[in-house]
Amino acid sequence: MTTADATPARVTGAPSLTLARFQAESGRGLAVASLILGLYFLLGSLLLVATSAGAGAVAAIFTGLIGLYLVVVAVLGLSRAAARVRAFEATYGRDAGKQQPVT
């Protein structure tokens, strides 16, 4: 393996370490949004159960199932994103691809 084969473009498909880090961190924002939405749905289902009788129970079950699904998908997404970042940092170093703020 030559040094050209070990460049970030060869390993991740990104042309630079900065873009490779962005690629490794991608999905984290969507996972956080899914987690917030899922928790909102779970809270909504609890409120439906508490405030309605009979017909509201079916809606509460569906809302709760959707919320639970979103929370599980979010946790898996956050876990995958963290694993990608750990692998990237193990390969290129802890601060590789980070940009310094311009002041």
C-alpha atoms as a PDB file:
ATOM      1  CA  MET A   1       0.000   0.000   0.000  1.00  0.00           C
ATOM      2  CA  THR A   2       1.464   3.326  -1.013  1.00  0.00           C
ATOM      3  CA  THR A   3       0.928   6.620   0.740  1.00  0.00           C
ATOM      4  CA  ALA A   4      -1.379   7.681  -2.097  1.00  0.00           C
ATOM      5  CA  ASP A   5      -3.643   4.733  -1.260  1.00  0.00           C
ATOM      6  CA  ALA A   6      -3.943   5.849   2.381  1.00  0.00           C
ATOM      7  CA  THR A   7      -5.133   9.401   1.675  1.00  0.00           C
ATOM      8  CA  PRO A   8      -8.519  10.427   3.057  1.00  0.00           C
ATOM      9  CA  ALA A   9      -9.954  10.338  -0.470  1.00  0.00           C
ATOM     10  CA  ARG A  10      -9.021   6.665  -0.827  1.00  0.00           C
ATOM     11  CA  VAL A  11     -10.282   5.707   2.614  1.00  0.00           C
ATOM     12  CA  THR A  12     -13.523   7.709   2.850  1.00  0.00           C
ATOM     13  CA  GLY A  13     -14.178   9.057  -0.624  1.00  0.00           C
ATOM     14  CA  ALA A  14     -13.694  12.634   0.629  1.00  0.00           C
ATOM     15  CA  PRO A  15     -10.992  14.851  -0.902  1.00  0.00           C
ATOM     16  CA  SER A  16      -9.742  16.273   2.406  1.00  0.00           C
ATOM     17  CA  LEU A  17      -9.587  15.487   6.105  1.00  0.00           C
ATOM     18  CA  THR A  18     -12.140  18.213   6.822  1.00  0.00           C
ATOM     19  CA  LEU A  19     -14.661  16.702   4.434  1.00  0.00           C
ATOM     20  CA  ALA A  20     -13.813  13.220   5.709  1.00  0.00           C
ATOM     21  CA  ARG A  21     -14.647  14.386   9.255  1.00  0.00           C
ATOM     22  CA  PHE A  22     -17.915  15.922   8.034  1.00  0.00           C
ATOM     23  CA  GLN A  23     -18.699  12.605   6.373  1.00  0.00           C
ATOM     24  CA  ALA A  24     -17.914  10.701   9.571  1.00  0.00           C
ATOM     25  CA  GLU A  25     -20.156  13.019  11.608  1.00  0.00           C
ATOM     26  CA  SER A  26     -23.009  12.977   9.094  1.00  0.00           C
ATOM     27  CA  GLY A  27     -26.240  11.580  10.379  1.00  0.00           C
ATOM     28  CA  ARG A  28     -25.745  12.884  13.896  1.00  0.00           C
ATOM     29  CA  GLY A  29     -28.048  15.875  13.408  1.00  0.00           C
ATOM     30  CA  LEU A  30     -30.810  13.739  11.933  1.00  0.00           C
ATOM     31  CA  ALA A  31     -30.465  11.290  14.816  1.00  0.00           C
ATOM     32  CA  VAL A  32     -30.765  14.092  17.377  1.00  0.00           C
ATOM     33  CA  ALA A  33     -33.852  15.457  15.593  1.00  0.00           C
ATOM     34  CA  SER A  34     -35.370  11.954  15.516  1.00  0.00           C
ATOM     35  CA  LEU A  35     -34.687  11.554  19.217  1.00  0.00           C
ATOM     36  CA  ILE A  36     -36.402  14.840  20.062  1.00  0.00           C
ATOM     37  CA  LEU A  37     -39.376  14.029  17.821  1.00  0.00           C
ATOM     38  CA  GLY A  38     -39.648  10.510  19.237  1.00  0.00           C
ATOM     39  CA  LEU A  39     -39.650  11.795  22.809  1.00  0.00           C
ATOM     40  CA  TYR A  40     -42.293  14.351  21.810  1.00  0.00           C
ATOM     41  CA  PHE A  41     -44.461  11.542  20.383  1.00  0.00           C
ATOM     42  CA  LEU A  42     -44.004   9.453  23.534  1.00  0.00           C
ATOM     43  CA  LEU A  43     -45.016  12.411  25.690  1.00  0.00           C
ATOM     44  CA  GLY A  44     -48.009  13.003  23.422  1.00  0.00           C
ATOM     45  CA  SER A  45     -49.108   9.403  23.769  1.00  0.00           C
ATOM     46  CA  LEU A  46     -48.918   9.664  27.565  1.00  0.00           C
ATOM     47  CA  LEU A  47     -51.019  12.822  27.457  1.00  0.00           C
ATOM     48  CA  LEU A  48     -53.568  11.090  25.205  1.00  0.00           C
ATOM     49  CA  VAL A  49     -53.865   8.221  27.660  1.00  0.00           C
ATOM     50  CA  ALA A  50     -54.242  10.609  30.592  1.00  0.00           C
ATOM     51  CA  THR A  51     -56.844  12.893  29.008  1.00  0.00           C
ATOM     52  CA  SER A  52     -59.008  10.616  26.873  1.00  0.00           C
ATOM     53  CA  ALA A  53     -61.044   7.504  27.408  1.00  0.00           C
ATOM     54  CA  GLY A  54     -61.803   4.713  24.951  1.00  0.00           C
ATOM     55  CA  ALA A  55     -61.238   6.079  21.453  1.00  0.00           C
ATOM     56  CA  GLY A  56     -58.117   7.986  22.436  1.00  0.00           C
ATOM     57  CA  ALA A  57     -56.416   4.801  23.585  1.00  0.00           C
ATOM     58  CA  VAL A  58     -55.951   3.552  20.014  1.00  0.00           C
ATOM     59  CA  ALA A  59     -54.414   6.865  18.961  1.00  0.00           C
ATOM     60  CA  ALA A  60     -52.203   6.800  22.047  1.00  0.00           C
ATOM     61  CA  ILE A  61     -50.925   3.322  21.192  1.00  0.00           C
ATOM     62  CA  PHE A  62     -50.065   4.302  17.611  1.00  0.00           C
ATOM     63  CA  THR A  63     -48.457   7.543  18.733  1.00  0.00           C
ATOM     64  CA  GLY A  64     -46.456   5.701  21.369  1.00  0.00           C
ATOM     65  CA  LEU A  65     -45.282   3.078  18.868  1.00  0.00           C
ATOM     66  CA  ILE A  66     -44.165   5.757  16.420  1.00  0.00           C
ATOM     67  CA  GLY A  67     -42.351   7.574  19.219  1.00  0.00           C
ATOM     68  CA  LEU A  68     -40.670   4.382  20.387  1.00  0.00           C
ATOM     69  CA  TYR A  69     -39.573   3.578  16.818  1.00  0.00           C
ATOM     70  CA  LEU A  70     -38.097   7.060  16.381  1.00  0.00           C
ATOM     71  CA  VAL A  71     -36.215   6.837  19.678  1.00  0.00           C
ATOM     72  CA  VAL A  72     -34.728   3.438  18.749  1.00  0.00           C
ATOM     73  CA  VAL A  73     -33.716   4.670  15.280  1.00  0.00           C
ATOM     74  CA  ALA A  74     -32.184   7.795  16.838  1.00  0.00           C
ATOM     75  CA  VAL A  75     -30.154   5.849  19.391  1.00  0.00           C
ATOM     76  CA  LEU A  76     -28.858   3.542  16.653  1.00  0.00           C
ATOM     77  CA  GLY A  77     -28.025   6.552  14.459  1.00  0.00           C
ATOM     78  CA  LEU A  78     -26.141   8.284  17.265  1.00  0.00           C
ATOM     79  CA  SER A  79     -24.264   5.077  17.988  1.00  0.00           C
ATOM     80  CA  ARG A  80     -23.264   4.636  14.326  1.00  0.00           C
ATOM     81  CA  ALA A  81     -22.152   8.268  14.037  1.00  0.00           C
ATOM     82  CA  ALA A  82     -20.042   7.957  17.190  1.00  0.00           C
ATOM     83  CA  ALA A  83     -18.450   4.756  15.868  1.00  0.00           C
ATOM     84  CA  ARG A  84     -17.596   6.460  12.551  1.00  0.00           C
ATOM     85  CA  VAL A  85     -16.005   9.404  14.377  1.00  0.00           C
ATOM     86  CA  ARG A  86     -14.020   7.056  16.667  1.00  0.00           C
ATOM     87  CA  ALA A  87     -12.749   5.122  13.633  1.00  0.00           C
ATOM     88  CA  PHE A  88     -11.833   8.365  11.844  1.00  0.00           C
ATOM     89  CA  GLU A  89      -9.993   9.693  14.903  1.00  0.00           C
ATOM     90  CA  ALA A  90      -8.204   6.377  15.407  1.00  0.00           C
ATOM     91  CA  THR A  91      -6.983   6.534  11.814  1.00  0.00           C
ATOM     92  CA  TYR A  92      -6.079  10.221  11.458  1.00  0.00           C
ATOM     93  CA  GLY A  93      -5.783  11.564  15.012  1.00  0.00           C
ATOM     94  CA  ARG A  94      -8.070  13.302  17.445  1.00  0.00           C
ATOM     95  CA  ASP A  95      -7.984  16.775  15.900  1.00  0.00           C
ATOM     96  CA  ALA A  96      -7.717  15.744  12.249  1.00  0.00           C
ATOM     97  CA  GLY A  97     -10.076  17.637   9.984  1.00  0.00           C
ATOM     98  CA  LYS A  98     -11.157  20.162  12.611  1.00  0.00           C
ATOM     99  CA  GLN A  99     -11.123  23.766  11.514  1.00  0.00           C
ATOM    100  CA  GLN A 100      -9.939  26.505  13.808  1.00  0.00           C
ATOM    101  CA  PRO A 101     -12.409  29.387  14.237  1.00  0.00           C
ATOM    102  CA  VAL A 102     -11.482  32.620  12.528  1.00  0.00           C
ATOM    103  CA  THR A 103     -11.337  35.488  15.016  1.00  0.00           C
END
